[in-house]
Amino acid sequence: MNLVSVALTVASPAIDGEVLSEASIDAQEMAYMNFARSEHRRLECLVRRLIIPALGGYDNDLAKELDRHLEQTRTFSCNFLWRHRHLGASHGVVGEEAGV
């Protein structure tokens, strides 16, 4: 009986990641940013699902202006410190326990 040796090569998975820049934010500030992001999401939902259609859609100048301000708020706040979200993941939203 002949034994055949088979070599198995297991490719090691590549580890993707991102080095985060240093952030100086305390737990309270992070909780406020988490809360602000959540509140902005709710406001955005109300404006885009209820108010803009009630104004006649994006053909209305006021509707376009509201949409632009929503986008600028998200953009210029860096999406409420989104790049540092992992640093504050253990901090709850204001009024909620951490990890909820």
PDB file of N, CA and C in Angstrom:
ATOM      1  N   MET A   1       0.847  -1.166   0.000  1.00  0.00           N
ATOM      2  CA  MET A   1       0.000   0.000   0.000  1.00  0.00           C
ATOM      3  C   MET A   1       0.894   1.230   0.000  1.00  0.00           C
ATOM      4  N   ASN A   2       0.656   2.109  -0.955  1.00  0.00           N
ATOM      5  CA  ASN A   2       1.439   3.334  -1.068  1.00  0.00           C
ATOM      6  C   ASN A   2       0.757   4.457  -0.314  1.00  0.00           C
ATOM      7  N   LEU A   3       1.514   5.169   0.420  1.00  0.00           N
ATOM      8  CA  LEU A   3       0.997   6.345   1.133  1.00  0.00           C
ATOM      9  C   LEU A   3       1.384   7.590   0.356  1.00  0.00           C
ATOM     10  N   VAL A   4       0.432   8.388   0.106  1.00  0.00           N
ATOM     11  CA  VAL A   4       0.674   9.633  -0.610  1.00  0.00           C
ATOM     12  C   VAL A   4       0.563  10.767   0.393  1.00  0.00           C
ATOM     13  N   SER A   5       1.555  11.572   0.412  1.00  0.00           N
ATOM     14  CA  SER A   5       1.568  12.716   1.319  1.00  0.00           C
ATOM     15  C   SER A   5       0.923  13.911   0.621  1.00  0.00           C
ATOM     16  N   VAL A   6      -0.040  14.476   1.261  1.00  0.00           N
ATOM     17  CA  VAL A   6      -0.720  15.645   0.712  1.00  0.00           C
ATOM     18  C   VAL A   6      -0.444  16.826   1.620  1.00  0.00           C
ATOM     19  N   ALA A   7       0.069  17.877   1.042  1.00  0.00           N
ATOM     20  CA  ALA A   7       0.349  19.087   1.819  1.00  0.00           C
ATOM     21  C   ALA A   7      -0.817  20.047   1.647  1.00  0.00           C
ATOM     22  N   LEU A   8      -1.370  20.447   2.742  1.00  0.00           N
ATOM     23  CA  LEU A   8      -2.461  21.421   2.717  1.00  0.00           C
ATOM     24  C   LEU A   8      -1.902  22.787   3.076  1.00  0.00           C
ATOM     25  N   THR A   9      -2.225  23.727   2.266  1.00  0.00           N
ATOM     26  CA  THR A   9      -1.798  25.085   2.539  1.00  0.00           C
ATOM     27  C   THR A   9      -3.023  25.880   2.948  1.00  0.00           C
ATOM     28  N   VAL A  10      -2.964  26.428   4.114  1.00  0.00           N
ATOM     29  CA  VAL A  10      -4.072  27.243   4.614  1.00  0.00           C
ATOM     30  C   VAL A  10      -3.642  28.693   4.517  1.00  0.00           C
ATOM     31  N   ALA A  11      -4.378  29.418   3.748  1.00  0.00           N
ATOM     32  CA  ALA A  11      -4.069  30.837   3.592  1.00  0.00           C
ATOM     33  C   ALA A  11      -4.512  31.575   4.838  1.00  0.00           C
ATOM     34  N   SER A  12      -3.619  32.359   5.366  1.00  0.00           N
ATOM     35  CA  SER A  12      -4.006  33.146   6.532  1.00  0.00           C
ATOM     36  C   SER A  12      -4.790  34.356   6.053  1.00  0.00           C
ATOM     37  N   PRO A  13      -5.888  34.651   6.720  1.00  0.00           N
ATOM     38  CA  PRO A  13      -6.730  35.761   6.274  1.00  0.00           C
ATOM     39  C   PRO A  13      -6.028  37.099   6.470  1.00  0.00           C
ATOM     40  N   ALA A  14      -6.268  37.994   5.550  1.00  0.00           N
ATOM     41  CA  ALA A  14      -5.720  39.342   5.676  1.00  0.00           C
ATOM     42  C   ALA A  14      -6.513  40.084   6.742  1.00  0.00           C
ATOM     43  N   ILE A  15      -5.824  40.848   7.508  1.00  0.00           N
ATOM     44  CA  ILE A  15      -6.482  41.638   8.549  1.00  0.00           C
ATOM     45  C   ILE A  15      -6.587  43.065   8.051  1.00  0.00           C
ATOM     46  N   ASP A  16      -7.815  43.475   7.843  1.00  0.00           N
ATOM     47  CA  ASP A  16      -8.065  44.845   7.413  1.00  0.00           C
ATOM     48  C   ASP A  16      -8.325  45.686   8.641  1.00  0.00           C
ATOM     49  N   GLY A  17      -7.907  46.891   8.586  1.00  0.00           N
ATOM     50  CA  GLY A  17      -8.158  47.768   9.725  1.00  0.00           C
ATOM     51  C   GLY A  17      -7.865  49.205   9.372  1.00  0.00           C
ATOM     52  N   GLU A  18      -8.117  50.031  10.314  1.00  0.00           N
ATOM     53  CA  GLU A  18      -7.900  51.447  10.142  1.00  0.00           C
ATOM     54  C   GLU A  18      -7.333  51.990  11.441  1.00  0.00           C
ATOM     55  N   VAL A  19      -6.278  52.754  11.319  1.00  0.00           N
ATOM     56  CA  VAL A  19      -5.698  53.377  12.502  1.00  0.00           C
ATOM     57  C   VAL A  19      -6.463  54.665  12.738  1.00  0.00           C
ATOM     58  N   LEU A  20      -7.082  54.756  13.899  1.00  0.00           N
ATOM     59  CA  LEU A  20      -7.866  55.937  14.229  1.00  0.00           C
ATOM     60  C   LEU A  20      -6.959  57.032  14.752  1.00  0.00           C
ATOM     61  N   SER A  21      -7.284  58.255  14.398  1.00  0.00           N
ATOM     62  CA  SER A  21      -6.514  59.372  14.921  1.00  0.00           C
ATOM     63  C   SER A  21      -6.869  59.570  16.392  1.00  0.00           C
ATOM     64  N   GLU A  22      -5.986  60.247  17.074  1.00  0.00           N
ATOM     65  CA  GLU A  22      -6.199  60.474  18.505  1.00  0.00           C
ATOM     66  C   GLU A  22      -7.416  61.365  18.722  1.00  0.00           C
ATOM     67  N   ALA A  23      -8.198  61.030  19.704  1.00  0.00           N
ATOM     68  CA  ALA A  23      -9.384  61.820  20.033  1.00  0.00           C
ATOM     69  C   ALA A  23      -9.357  62.143  21.518  1.00  0.00           C
ATOM     70  N   SER A  24      -9.641  63.370  21.818  1.00  0.00           N
ATOM     71  CA  SER A  24      -9.712  63.792  23.213  1.00  0.00           C
ATOM     72  C   SER A  24     -11.161  64.135  23.532  1.00  0.00           C
ATOM     73  N   ILE A  25     -11.914  63.114  23.822  1.00  0.00           N
ATOM     74  CA  ILE A  25     -13.339  63.281  24.114  1.00  0.00           C
ATOM     75  C   ILE A  25     -13.643  62.487  25.366  1.00  0.00           C
ATOM     76  N   ASP A  26     -14.287  63.134  26.316  1.00  0.00           N
ATOM     77  CA  ASP A  26     -14.616  62.386  27.528  1.00  0.00           C
ATOM     78  C   ASP A  26     -15.939  61.639  27.322  1.00  0.00           C
ATOM     79  N   ALA A  27     -16.275  60.833  28.281  1.00  0.00           N
ATOM     80  CA  ALA A  27     -17.458  59.975  28.174  1.00  0.00           C
ATOM     81  C   ALA A  27     -18.736  60.785  27.974  1.00  0.00           C
ATOM     82  N   GLN A  28     -18.864  61.895  28.659  1.00  0.00           N
ATOM     83  CA  GLN A  28     -20.060  62.736  28.530  1.00  0.00           C
ATOM     84  C   GLN A  28     -20.180  63.312  27.131  1.00  0.00           C
ATOM     85  N   GLU A  29     -19.060  63.822  26.590  1.00  0.00           N
ATOM     86  CA  GLU A  29     -19.086  64.375  25.232  1.00  0.00           C
ATOM     87  C   GLU A  29     -19.433  63.301  24.199  1.00  0.00           C
ATOM     88  N   MET A  30     -18.905  62.105  24.383  1.00  0.00           N
ATOM     89  CA  MET A  30     -19.215  61.026  23.457  1.00  0.00           C
ATOM     90  C   MET A  30     -20.692  60.654  23.543  1.00  0.00           C
ATOM     91  N   ALA A  31     -21.224  60.620  24.740  1.00  0.00           N
ATOM     92  CA  ALA A  31     -22.646  60.323  24.912  1.00  0.00           C
ATOM     93  C   ALA A  31     -23.497  61.391  24.221  1.00  0.00           C
ATOM     94  N   TYR A  32     -23.080  62.657  24.319  1.00  0.00           N
ATOM     95  CA  TYR A  32     -23.806  63.728  23.640  1.00  0.00           C
ATOM     96  C   TYR A  32     -23.753  63.566  22.123  1.00  0.00           C
ATOM     97  N   MET A  33     -22.597  63.177  21.595  1.00  0.00           N
ATOM     98  CA  MET A  33     -22.477  62.975  20.149  1.00  0.00           C
ATOM     99  C   MET A  33     -23.329  61.789  19.695  1.00  0.00           C
ATOM    100  N   ASN A  34     -23.342  60.727  20.479  1.00  0.00           N
ATOM    101  CA  ASN A  34     -24.198  59.579  20.154  1.00  0.00           C
ATOM    102  C   ASN A  34     -25.665  60.003  20.151  1.00  0.00           C
ATOM    103  N   PHE A  35     -26.042  60.797  21.145  1.00  0.00           N
ATOM    104  CA  PHE A  35     -27.421  61.284  21.242  1.00  0.00           C
ATOM    105  C   PHE A  35     -27.752  62.205  20.070  1.00  0.00           C
ATOM    106  N   ALA A  36     -26.829  63.109  19.740  1.00  0.00           N
ATOM    107  CA  ALA A  36     -27.047  64.040  18.634  1.00  0.00           C
ATOM    108  C   ALA A  36     -27.202  63.287  17.317  1.00  0.00           C
ATOM    109  N   ARG A  37     -26.398  62.251  17.112  1.00  0.00           N
ATOM    110  CA  ARG A  37     -26.508  61.449  15.888  1.00  0.00           C
ATOM    111  C   ARG A  37     -27.873  60.779  15.805  1.00  0.00           C
ATOM    112  N   SER A  38     -28.319  60.241  16.921  1.00  0.00           N
ATOM    113  CA  SER A  38     -29.623  59.586  16.978  1.00  0.00           C
ATOM    114  C   SER A  38     -30.760  60.577  16.725  1.00  0.00           C
ATOM    115  N   GLU A  39     -30.687  61.735  17.340  1.00  0.00           N
ATOM    116  CA  GLU A  39     -31.720  62.759  17.152  1.00  0.00           C
ATOM    117  C   GLU A  39     -31.731  63.285  15.720  1.00  0.00           C
ATOM    118  N   HIS A  40     -30.551  63.451  15.136  1.00  0.00           N
ATOM    119  CA  HIS A  40     -30.477  63.919  13.756  1.00  0.00           C
ATOM    120  C   HIS A  40     -31.107  62.889  12.820  1.00  0.00           C
ATOM    121  N   ARG A  41     -30.872  61.618  13.090  1.00  0.00           N
ATOM    122  CA  ARG A  41     -31.465  60.549  12.276  1.00  0.00           C
ATOM    123  C   ARG A  41     -32.994  60.627  12.334  1.00  0.00           C
ATOM    124  N   ARG A  42     -33.537  60.887  13.531  1.00  0.00           N
ATOM    125  CA  ARG A  42     -34.997  61.011  13.679  1.00  0.00           C
ATOM    126  C   ARG A  42     -35.532  62.239  12.942  1.00  0.00           C
ATOM    127  N   LEU A  43     -34.834  63.362  13.084  1.00  0.00           N
ATOM    128  CA  LEU A  43     -35.231  64.583  12.402  1.00  0.00           C
ATOM    129  C   LEU A  43     -35.182  64.397  10.886  1.00  0.00           C
ATOM    130  N   GLU A  44     -34.125  63.760  10.424  1.00  0.00           N
ATOM    131  CA  GLU A  44     -33.968  63.494   8.995  1.00  0.00           C
ATOM    132  C   GLU A  44     -35.130  62.642   8.467  1.00  0.00           C
ATOM    133  N   CYS A  45     -35.519  61.664   9.233  1.00  0.00           N
ATOM    134  CA  CYS A  45     -36.634  60.800   8.857  1.00  0.00           C
ATOM    135  C   CYS A  45     -37.928  61.604   8.750  1.00  0.00           C
ATOM    136  N   LEU A  46     -38.197  62.439   9.725  1.00  0.00           N
ATOM    137  CA  LEU A  46     -39.404  63.269   9.697  1.00  0.00           C
ATOM    138  C   LEU A  46     -39.412  64.211   8.492  1.00  0.00           C
ATOM    139  N   VAL A  47     -38.292  64.859   8.276  1.00  0.00           N
ATOM    140  CA  VAL A  47     -38.221  65.835   7.180  1.00  0.00           C
ATOM    141  C   VAL A  47     -38.363  65.142   5.836  1.00  0.00           C
ATOM    142  N   ARG A  48     -37.633  64.052   5.636  1.00  0.00           N
ATOM    143  CA  ARG A  48     -37.635  63.410   4.309  1.00  0.00           C
ATOM    144  C   ARG A  48     -38.883  62.581   4.029  1.00  0.00           C
ATOM    145  N   ARG A  49     -39.496  62.013   5.057  1.00  0.00           N
ATOM    146  CA  ARG A  49     -40.671  61.167   4.827  1.00  0.00           C
ATOM    147  C   ARG A  49     -41.996  61.907   4.939  1.00  0.00           C
ATOM    148  N   LEU A  50     -42.014  62.998   5.720  1.00  0.00           N
ATOM    149  CA  LEU A  50     -43.279  63.700   5.935  1.00  0.00           C
ATOM    150  C   LEU A  50     -43.288  65.123   5.382  1.00  0.00           C
ATOM    151  N   ILE A  51     -42.305  65.909   5.753  1.00  0.00           N
ATOM    152  CA  ILE A  51     -42.335  67.331   5.416  1.00  0.00           C
ATOM    153  C   ILE A  51     -42.059  67.577   3.941  1.00  0.00           C
ATOM    154  N   ILE A  52     -41.006  66.992   3.398  1.00  0.00           N
ATOM    155  CA  ILE A  52     -40.675  67.225   1.988  1.00  0.00           C
ATOM    156  C   ILE A  52     -41.804  66.754   1.059  1.00  0.00           C
ATOM    157  N   PRO A  53     -42.366  65.560   1.275  1.00  0.00           N
ATOM    158  CA  PRO A  53     -43.518  65.191   0.428  1.00  0.00           C
ATOM    159  C   PRO A  53     -44.706  66.148   0.587  1.00  0.00           C
ATOM    160  N   ALA A  54     -44.927  66.634   1.823  1.00  0.00           N
ATOM    161  CA  ALA A  54     -46.043  67.564   2.050  1.00  0.00           C
ATOM    162  C   ALA A  54     -45.819  68.900   1.344  1.00  0.00           C
ATOM    163  N   LEU A  55     -44.560  69.241   1.111  1.00  0.00           N
ATOM    164  CA  LEU A  55     -44.234  70.485   0.402  1.00  0.00           C
ATOM    165  C   LEU A  55     -44.284  70.310  -1.115  1.00  0.00           C
ATOM    166  N   GLY A  56     -44.551  69.109  -1.557  1.00  0.00           N
ATOM    167  CA  GLY A  56     -44.625  68.865  -2.992  1.00  0.00           C
ATOM    168  C   GLY A  56     -43.386  68.203  -3.563  1.00  0.00           C
ATOM    169  N   GLY A  57     -42.527  67.722  -2.684  1.00  0.00           N
ATOM    170  CA  GLY A  57     -41.332  67.034  -3.154  1.00  0.00           C
ATOM    171  C   GLY A  57     -40.170  67.977  -3.394  1.00  0.00           C
ATOM    172  N   TYR A  58     -39.163  67.444  -4.059  1.00  0.00           N
ATOM    173  CA  TYR A  58     -37.918  68.184  -4.237  1.00  0.00           C
ATOM    174  C   TYR A  58     -37.996  69.258  -5.316  1.00  0.00           C
ATOM    175  N   ASP A  59     -39.155  69.432  -5.941  1.00  0.00           N
ATOM    176  CA  ASP A  59     -39.325  70.545  -6.871  1.00  0.00           C
ATOM    177  C   ASP A  59     -39.537  71.847  -6.107  1.00  0.00           C
ATOM    178  N   ASN A  60     -39.898  71.748  -4.843  1.00  0.00           N
ATOM    179  CA  ASN A  60     -40.133  72.904  -3.985  1.00  0.00           C
ATOM    180  C   ASN A  60     -38.788  73.410  -3.450  1.00  0.00           C
ATOM    181  N   ASP A  61     -38.560  74.718  -3.554  1.00  0.00           N
ATOM    182  CA  ASP A  61     -37.290  75.302  -3.105  1.00  0.00           C
ATOM    183  C   ASP A  61     -37.057  75.113  -1.608  1.00  0.00           C
ATOM    184  N   LEU A  62     -38.107  75.223  -0.798  1.00  0.00           N
ATOM    185  CA  LEU A  62     -37.964  75.028   0.639  1.00  0.00           C
ATOM    186  C   LEU A  62     -37.568  73.584   0.952  1.00  0.00           C
ATOM    187  N   ALA A  63     -38.148  72.634   0.245  1.00  0.00           N
ATOM    188  CA  ALA A  63     -37.803  71.225   0.446  1.00  0.00           C
ATOM    189  C   ALA A  63     -36.331  70.982   0.127  1.00  0.00           C
ATOM    190  N   LYS A  64     -35.857  71.562  -0.970  1.00  0.00           N
ATOM    191  CA  LYS A  64     -34.440  71.420  -1.342  1.00  0.00           C
ATOM    192  C   LYS A  64     -33.536  72.045  -0.285  1.00  0.00           C
ATOM    193  N   GLU A  65     -33.956  73.176   0.232  1.00  0.00           N
ATOM    194  CA  GLU A  65     -33.166  73.869   1.263  1.00  0.00           C
ATOM    195  C   GLU A  65     -33.101  73.040   2.555  1.00  0.00           C
ATOM    196  N   LEU A  66     -34.211  72.464   2.969  1.00  0.00           N
ATOM    197  CA  LEU A  66     -34.230  71.605   4.155  1.00  0.00           C
ATOM    198  C   LEU A  66     -33.299  70.406   3.974  1.00  0.00           C
ATOM    199  N   ASP A  67     -33.372  69.776   2.818  1.00  0.00           N
ATOM    200  CA  ASP A  67     -32.520  68.632   2.531  1.00  0.00           C
ATOM    201  C   ASP A  67     -31.045  69.024   2.553  1.00  0.00           C
ATOM    202  N   ARG A  68     -30.721  70.169   1.982  1.00  0.00           N
ATOM    203  CA  ARG A  68     -29.333  70.645   1.958  1.00  0.00           C
ATOM    204  C   ARG A  68     -28.807  70.880   3.371  1.00  0.00           C
ATOM    205  N   HIS A  69     -29.638  71.465   4.229  1.00  0.00           N
ATOM    206  CA  HIS A  69     -29.206  71.724   5.609  1.00  0.00           C
ATOM    207  C   HIS A  69     -28.991  70.417   6.380  1.00  0.00           C
ATOM    208  N   LEU A  70     -29.833  69.429   6.146  1.00  0.00           N
ATOM    209  CA  LEU A  70     -29.632  68.123   6.781  1.00  0.00           C
ATOM    210  C   LEU A  70     -28.281  67.537   6.387  1.00  0.00           C
ATOM    211  N   GLU A  71     -27.970  67.605   5.098  1.00  0.00           N
ATOM    212  CA  GLU A  71     -26.696  67.063   4.609  1.00  0.00           C
ATOM    213  C   GLU A  71     -25.516  67.841   5.169  1.00  0.00           C
ATOM    214  N   GLN A  72     -25.621  69.160   5.202  1.00  0.00           N
ATOM    215  CA  GLN A  72     -24.515  69.968   5.719  1.00  0.00           C
ATOM    216  C   GLN A  72     -24.280  69.721   7.201  1.00  0.00           C
ATOM    217  N   THR A  73     -25.343  69.528   7.949  1.00  0.00           N
ATOM    218  CA  THR A  73     -25.190  69.242   9.378  1.00  0.00           C
ATOM    219  C   THR A  73     -24.415  67.946   9.570  1.00  0.00           C
ATOM    220  N   ARG A  74     -24.764  66.934   8.817  1.00  0.00           N
ATOM    221  CA  ARG A  74     -24.074  65.643   8.926  1.00  0.00           C
ATOM    222  C   ARG A  74     -22.624  65.764   8.453  1.00  0.00           C
ATOM    223  N   THR A  75     -22.414  66.428   7.332  1.00  0.00           N
ATOM    224  CA  THR A  75     -21.076  66.542   6.761  1.00  0.00           C
ATOM    225  C   THR A  75     -20.132  67.347   7.649  1.00  0.00           C
ATOM    226  N   PHE A  76     -20.557  68.531   8.058  1.00  0.00           N
ATOM    227  CA  PHE A  76     -19.659  69.416   8.786  1.00  0.00           C
ATOM    228  C   PHE A  76     -19.524  69.073  10.261  1.00  0.00           C
ATOM    229  N   SER A  77     -20.353  68.178  10.777  1.00  0.00           N
ATOM    230  CA  SER A  77     -20.159  67.688  12.139  1.00  0.00           C
ATOM    231  C   SER A  77     -19.325  66.407  12.106  1.00  0.00           C
ATOM    232  N   CYS A  78     -18.852  66.046  10.895  1.00  0.00           N
ATOM    233  CA  CYS A  78     -18.157  64.760  10.685  1.00  0.00           C
ATOM    234  C   CYS A  78     -19.064  63.627  11.136  1.00  0.00           C
ATOM    235  N   ASN A  79     -20.334  63.756  10.785  1.00  0.00           N
ATOM    236  CA  ASN A  79     -21.352  62.789  11.164  1.00  0.00           C
ATOM    237  C   ASN A  79     -21.321  62.550  12.670  1.00  0.00           C
ATOM    238  N   PHE A  80     -21.247  63.654  13.396  1.00  0.00           N
ATOM    239  CA  PHE A  80     -21.263  63.618  14.860  1.00  0.00           C
ATOM    240  C   PHE A  80     -20.152  62.713  15.388  1.00  0.00           C
ATOM    241  N   LEU A  81     -18.940  63.002  14.904  1.00  0.00           N
ATOM    242  CA  LEU A  81     -17.721  62.288  15.325  1.00  0.00           C
ATOM    243  C   LEU A  81     -17.773  60.806  14.988  1.00  0.00           C
ATOM    244  N   TRP A  82     -18.347  60.458  13.856  1.00  0.00           N
ATOM    245  CA  TRP A  82     -18.486  59.062  13.440  1.00  0.00           C
ATOM    246  C   TRP A  82     -17.151  58.332  13.435  1.00  0.00           C
ATOM    247  N   ARG A  83     -16.068  59.009  13.025  1.00  0.00           N
ATOM    248  CA  ARG A  83     -14.776  58.328  12.939  1.00  0.00           C
ATOM    249  C   ARG A  83     -14.272  57.878  14.311  1.00  0.00           C
ATOM    250  N   HIS A  84     -14.805  58.450  15.374  1.00  0.00           N
ATOM    251  CA  HIS A  84     -14.400  58.060  16.730  1.00  0.00           C
ATOM    252  C   HIS A  84     -15.453  57.210  17.424  1.00  0.00           C
ATOM    253  N   ARG A  85     -16.433  56.700  16.669  1.00  0.00           N
ATOM    254  CA  ARG A  85     -17.552  55.972  17.265  1.00  0.00           C
ATOM    255  C   ARG A  85     -17.105  54.750  18.046  1.00  0.00           C
ATOM    256  N   HIS A  86     -16.027  54.092  17.614  1.00  0.00           N
ATOM    257  CA  HIS A  86     -15.574  52.893  18.315  1.00  0.00           C
ATOM    258  C   HIS A  86     -14.980  53.237  19.683  1.00  0.00           C
ATOM    259  N   LEU A  87     -14.424  54.424  19.789  1.00  0.00           N
ATOM    260  CA  LEU A  87     -13.879  54.847  21.079  1.00  0.00           C
ATOM    261  C   LEU A  87     -14.991  55.002  22.102  1.00  0.00           C
ATOM    262  N   GLY A  88     -16.167  55.386  21.633  1.00  0.00           N
ATOM    263  CA  GLY A  88     -17.266  55.639  22.551  1.00  0.00           C
ATOM    264  C   GLY A  88     -18.336  54.572  22.528  1.00  0.00           C
ATOM    265  N   ALA A  89     -18.038  53.436  21.928  1.00  0.00           N
ATOM    266  CA  ALA A  89     -19.064  52.398  21.798  1.00  0.00           C
ATOM    267  C   ALA A  89     -19.577  51.917  23.149  1.00  0.00           C
ATOM    268  N   SER A  90     -18.755  52.010  24.186  1.00  0.00           N
ATOM    269  CA  SER A  90     -19.189  51.542  25.496  1.00  0.00           C
ATOM    270  C   SER A  90     -19.994  52.603  26.240  1.00  0.00           C
ATOM    271  N   HIS A  91     -20.056  53.794  25.695  1.00  0.00           N
ATOM    272  CA  HIS A  91     -20.796  54.863  26.360  1.00  0.00           C
ATOM    273  C   HIS A  91     -22.201  54.922  25.793  1.00  0.00           C
ATOM    274  N   GLY A  92     -23.174  54.887  26.660  1.00  0.00           N
ATOM    275  CA  GLY A  92     -24.566  54.892  26.221  1.00  0.00           C
ATOM    276  C   GLY A  92     -25.012  56.248  25.717  1.00  0.00           C
ATOM    277  N   VAL A  93     -26.129  56.233  25.076  1.00  0.00           N
ATOM    278  CA  VAL A  93     -26.756  57.467  24.656  1.00  0.00           C
ATOM    279  C   VAL A  93     -27.322  58.113  25.909  1.00  0.00           C
ATOM    280  N   VAL A  94     -27.355  59.432  25.948  1.00  0.00           N
ATOM    281  CA  VAL A  94     -27.877  60.143  27.107  1.00  0.00           C
ATOM    282  C   VAL A  94     -29.273  59.612  27.419  1.00  0.00           C
ATOM    283  N   GLY A  95     -29.487  59.227  28.629  1.00  0.00           N
ATOM    284  CA  GLY A  95     -30.788  58.707  29.046  1.00  0.00           C
ATOM    285  C   GLY A  95     -30.904  57.211  28.923  1.00  0.00           C
ATOM    286  N   GLU A  96     -29.882  56.540  28.379  1.00  0.00           N
ATOM    287  CA  GLU A  96     -29.895  55.079  28.260  1.00  0.00           C
ATOM    288  C   GLU A  96     -28.638  54.519  28.905  1.00  0.00           C
ATOM    289  N   GLU A  97     -28.702  53.274  29.275  1.00  0.00           N
ATOM    290  CA  GLU A  97     -27.536  52.614  29.834  1.00  0.00           C
ATOM    291  C   GLU A  97     -26.556  52.274  28.722  1.00  0.00           C
ATOM    292  N   ALA A  98     -25.282  52.161  29.071  1.00  0.00           N
ATOM    293  CA  ALA A  98     -24.257  51.781  28.109  1.00  0.00           C
ATOM    294  C   ALA A  98     -24.579  50.398  27.552  1.00  0.00           C
ATOM    295  N   GLY A  99     -24.307  50.244  26.232  1.00  0.00           N
ATOM    296  CA  GLY A  99     -24.514  48.948  25.592  1.00  0.00           C
ATOM    297  C   GLY A  99     -25.938  48.691  25.158  1.00  0.00           C
ATOM    298  N   VAL A 100     -26.830  49.668  25.318  1.00  0.00           N
ATOM    299  CA  VAL A 100     -28.231  49.465  24.920  1.00  0.00           C
ATOM    300  C   VAL A 100     -28.393  49.822  23.466  1.00  0.00           C
TER     301      VAL A 100
END
